[in-house]
Protein backbone atom coordinates (compact mmCIF):
# COMPACT_ATOMS: atom_id res chain seq x y z
CA ASN A 1 -25.53 5.29 25.57
CA ARG A 2 -24.89 6.70 22.09
CA ALA A 3 -25.62 3.33 20.47
CA ARG A 4 -28.98 3.13 22.23
CA GLY A 5 -30.44 6.08 20.28
CA PRO A 6 -29.98 4.60 16.79
CA ILE A 7 -31.01 1.13 17.99
CA GLN A 8 -34.17 2.46 19.63
CA LEU A 9 -34.96 4.46 16.49
CA LEU A 10 -34.50 1.33 14.38
CA ILE A 11 -36.82 -0.63 16.69
CA ARG A 12 -39.47 2.10 16.44
CA LEU A 13 -39.19 2.16 12.65
CA LEU A 14 -39.55 -1.62 12.46
CA ARG A 15 -42.65 -1.44 14.66
CA MET A 16 -44.10 1.25 12.39
CA GLU A 17 -43.33 -0.89 9.32
CA ASP A 18 -45.07 -3.83 10.98
CA PHE A 19 -48.07 -1.64 11.87
CA TYR A 20 -48.18 -0.30 8.30
CA ARG A 21 -48.12 -3.83 6.85
CA ARG A 22 -50.95 -4.89 9.15
CA PHE A 23 -52.93 -1.79 8.26
CA CYS A 24 -52.43 -2.51 4.55
CA ARG A 25 -53.70 -6.07 4.98
CA LEU A 26 -56.73 -4.78 6.92
CA GLU A 27 -57.50 -2.20 4.22
CA GLU A 28 -57.27 -4.86 1.52
CA ALA A 29 -59.50 -7.25 3.50
CA ILE A 30 -62.15 -4.57 4.10
CA THR A 31 -62.08 -3.48 0.47
CA GLY A 32 -62.34 -7.10 -0.69
CA ALA A 33 -65.27 -7.74 1.66
CA MET A 34 -67.02 -4.63 0.35
CA PHE A 35 -66.50 -5.79 -3.23
CA VAL A 36 -67.94 -9.23 -2.46
CA SER A 37 -70.88 -7.51 -0.74
CA ILE A 38 -71.55 -5.42 -3.84
CA VAL A 39 -71.66 -8.53 -6.02
CA ALA A 40 -73.93 -10.34 -3.53
CA LEU A 41 -76.26 -7.35 -3.19
CA VAL A 42 -76.60 -6.73 -6.91
CA PHE A 43 -77.14 -10.44 -7.60
CA SER A 44 -79.70 -10.75 -4.77
CA ALA A 45 -81.55 -7.63 -5.90
CA ALA A 46 -81.74 -8.91 -9.48
CA LEU A 47 -82.88 -12.35 -8.31
CA MET A 48 -85.54 -10.95 -5.98
CA ARG A 49 -86.73 -8.59 -8.71
CA ALA A 50 -87.31 -11.64 -10.92
CA PHE A 51 -89.72 -12.92 -8.26
CA ASN A 52 -91.37 -9.48 -8.03
CA LEU A 53 -89.87 -8.92 -4.56
CA PRO A 54 -87.56 -5.96 -5.14
CA LEU A 55 -84.92 -5.05 -2.56
CA VAL A 56 -85.27 -1.29 -2.87
CA TRP A 57 -82.41 -0.59 -0.49
CA ALA A 58 -79.89 -2.91 -2.18
CA ASP A 59 -78.97 -0.53 -5.01
CA GLY A 60 -78.33 2.30 -2.54
CA VAL A 61 -76.11 0.15 -0.33
CA ALA A 62 -74.27 -1.17 -3.40
CA SER A 63 -73.70 2.41 -4.62
CA PHE A 64 -72.40 3.44 -1.20
CA LEU A 65 -70.03 0.46 -1.11
CA PHE A 66 -68.92 1.08 -4.69
CA SER A 67 -67.74 4.61 -3.91
CA TRP A 68 -65.64 3.31 -1.02
CA VAL A 69 -64.30 0.34 -3.01
CA ALA A 70 -63.30 2.60 -5.91
CA PHE A 71 -61.32 5.03 -3.76
CA LEU A 72 -59.83 2.47 -1.36
CA GLY A 73 -58.96 0.33 -4.39
CA ALA A 74 -57.11 3.31 -5.84
CA ASP A 75 -54.98 3.46 -2.68
CA ILE A 76 -54.26 -0.27 -2.87
CA ALA A 77 -53.38 0.00 -6.58
CA LEU A 78 -51.11 2.97 -5.85
CA ARG A 79 -49.35 1.10 -3.06
CA HIS A 80 -48.71 -1.89 -5.30
CA SER A 81 -47.73 0.30 -8.30
CA ARG A 82 -50.67 -0.95 -10.34
CA LEU A 83 -52.00 2.40 -11.53
CA VAL A 84 -51.97 3.07 -15.25
CA GLY A 85 -48.79 4.74 -16.42
CA VAL A 86 -47.01 5.39 -19.67
CA ASP A 87 -43.33 4.72 -19.15
CA ILE A 88 -42.07 4.07 -22.67
CA LEU A 89 -39.95 7.22 -22.56
CA VAL A 90 -38.95 7.04 -18.88
CA ASN A 91 -37.68 3.46 -19.24
CA ARG A 92 -34.94 4.75 -21.56
CA TRP A 93 -33.61 7.14 -18.92
CA SER A 94 -30.81 6.42 -16.46
CA PRO A 95 -31.85 5.03 -13.04
CA LYS A 96 -31.15 8.38 -11.36
CA ALA A 97 -33.22 10.32 -13.93
CA ARG A 98 -36.10 7.84 -13.48
CA LYS A 99 -35.93 8.24 -9.72
CA LEU A 100 -35.84 12.03 -10.02
CA SER A 101 -38.94 11.97 -12.26
CA GLU A 102 -40.70 9.68 -9.75
CA ILE A 103 -39.83 12.08 -6.92
CA ILE A 104 -41.37 14.97 -8.88
CA VAL A 105 -44.48 12.93 -9.74
CA TYR A 106 -44.95 11.81 -6.11
CA ALA A 107 -44.56 15.39 -4.86
CA ILE A 108 -47.22 16.60 -7.33
CA MET A 109 -49.49 13.72 -6.31
CA ILE A 110 -49.20 14.64 -2.64
CA VAL A 111 -50.14 18.27 -3.39
CA LEU A 112 -53.18 17.14 -5.41
CA LEU A 113 -54.20 14.62 -2.75
CA ILE A 114 -54.04 17.32 -0.08
CA ALA A 115 -56.42 19.37 -2.22
CA PHE A 116 -58.73 16.32 -2.54
CA VAL A 117 -58.76 15.96 1.25
CA TYR A 118 -59.54 19.65 1.75
CA PHE A 119 -62.28 19.88 -0.88
CA GLY A 120 -63.62 16.41 -0.05
CA VAL A 121 -64.11 17.32 3.61
CA ASN A 122 -65.88 20.53 2.55
CA LEU A 123 -68.10 18.53 0.17
CA SER A 124 -68.96 16.09 2.95
CA ILE A 125 -69.84 18.92 5.33
CA ARG A 126 -72.10 20.53 2.72
CA ASN A 127 -73.89 17.20 2.11
CA TRP A 128 -74.45 16.36 5.78
CA ASP A 129 -78.21 17.06 5.68
CA ARG A 130 -78.78 15.37 2.32
CA ASP A 131 -80.29 11.87 2.37
CA PHE A 132 -78.60 9.16 0.36
CA GLN A 133 -80.95 7.76 -2.32
CA THR A 134 -83.57 5.49 -0.75
CA LEU A 135 -81.62 5.17 2.50
CA SER A 136 -83.14 8.07 4.41
CA PHE A 137 -81.30 7.08 7.61
CA MET A 138 -77.92 7.65 5.92
CA SER A 139 -76.39 10.99 5.03
CA TYR A 140 -74.86 11.53 1.61
CA SER A 141 -71.74 12.53 3.52
CA ALA A 142 -71.13 8.83 4.19
CA VAL A 143 -70.51 8.51 0.44
CA THR A 144 -68.61 11.74 -0.14
CA LEU A 145 -66.27 11.00 2.79
CA SER A 146 -64.77 8.21 0.69
CA LEU A 147 -62.82 10.84 -1.29
CA PRO A 148 -60.99 12.61 1.57
CA VAL A 149 -60.44 9.42 3.57
CA ALA A 150 -58.97 7.52 0.62
CA SER A 151 -56.97 10.60 -0.41
CA ALA A 152 -55.46 10.78 3.09
CA LEU A 153 -54.55 7.09 2.81
CA MET A 154 -53.02 7.75 -0.61
CA ILE A 155 -50.95 10.56 0.91
CA ILE A 156 -49.54 7.99 3.35
CA SER A 157 -48.90 5.49 0.54
CA THR A 158 -47.30 8.12 -1.68
CA GLY A 159 -45.28 9.56 1.20
CA THR A 160 -44.03 6.08 2.05
CA LYS A 161 -42.99 5.48 -1.55
CA LEU A 162 -41.33 8.90 -1.68
CA ALA A 163 -39.44 8.31 1.58
CA ARG A 164 -38.22 4.90 0.39
CA LEU A 165 -37.18 6.37 -2.93
CA LEU A 166 -35.25 9.20 -1.28
CA HIS A 167 -33.63 6.79 1.17
CA ARG A 168 -32.47 4.46 -1.63
CA PHE A 169 -31.77 7.17 -4.24
CA GLY A 170 -28.13 6.15 -4.60
CA ASP A 171 -28.97 2.47 -5.19
CA ASP A 172 -29.35 2.12 -8.97
CA GLY A 173 -30.84 -1.36 -8.55
CA TYR A 174 -33.71 -0.15 -6.36
CA GLU A 175 -37.14 0.23 -7.99
CA VAL A 176 -39.83 1.83 -5.85
CA LYS A 177 -42.45 0.18 -8.08
CA ALA A 178 -41.34 -3.24 -6.82
CA ASP A 179 -41.53 -2.11 -3.19
CA GLY A 180 -45.07 -2.46 -1.83
CA CYS A 181 -46.70 -2.89 1.55
CA ARG A 182 -45.51 -6.41 2.21
CA ARG A 183 -42.84 -8.23 4.10
CA PRO A 184 -39.73 -8.95 2.01
CA GLU A 185 -39.74 -12.41 0.48
CA PRO A 186 -37.37 -14.84 2.18
CA THR A 187 -34.42 -15.79 0.04
CA GLY A 188 -33.54 -19.38 -0.67
CA HIS A 189 -36.11 -21.71 -2.19
CA VAL A 190 -37.45 -20.60 -5.58
CA HIS A 191 -40.84 -21.92 -6.66
CA SER A 192 -41.28 -22.94 -10.27
CA ASP A 193 -44.50 -23.77 -12.05
């Protein structure tokens, strides 16, 4: 019976990891579709304007999508360690010192992201009655909600990175920057270009 507890916990964790991977893929697909929609809308609006048939609503929809793409893209970039960073000094430190600095940075990020969620929700509530540009049927809150929603997702991404870093703190070969939201690559065959 004692062995069942750790095995069941391991099974639950693996299911959560699988759910998280699927969620990450869904977020990336939605963000990619939004980006493609922005390009199509802006191109269509410019083309129709050339024929003196302006799509008045297209700029508003593109602006709405852009706010969501920017913030969701920030979460995706964070998850894949693609945010801008200056590590010229940190790279000279020992692996443990680097990990300790990453732990501190992630903790500060989580505190700031919690503030973004709090103030972003308040901003969205205050803008509930405000119309969004030419789209009178849509509240400006639909745009401002992109901040707290993406910040909450970034808390999950940062918390996941922090948990993995703490779990593997003793492993000097582990780099949290190389650990994203993807299934580990199978070992064996190496592709060469």
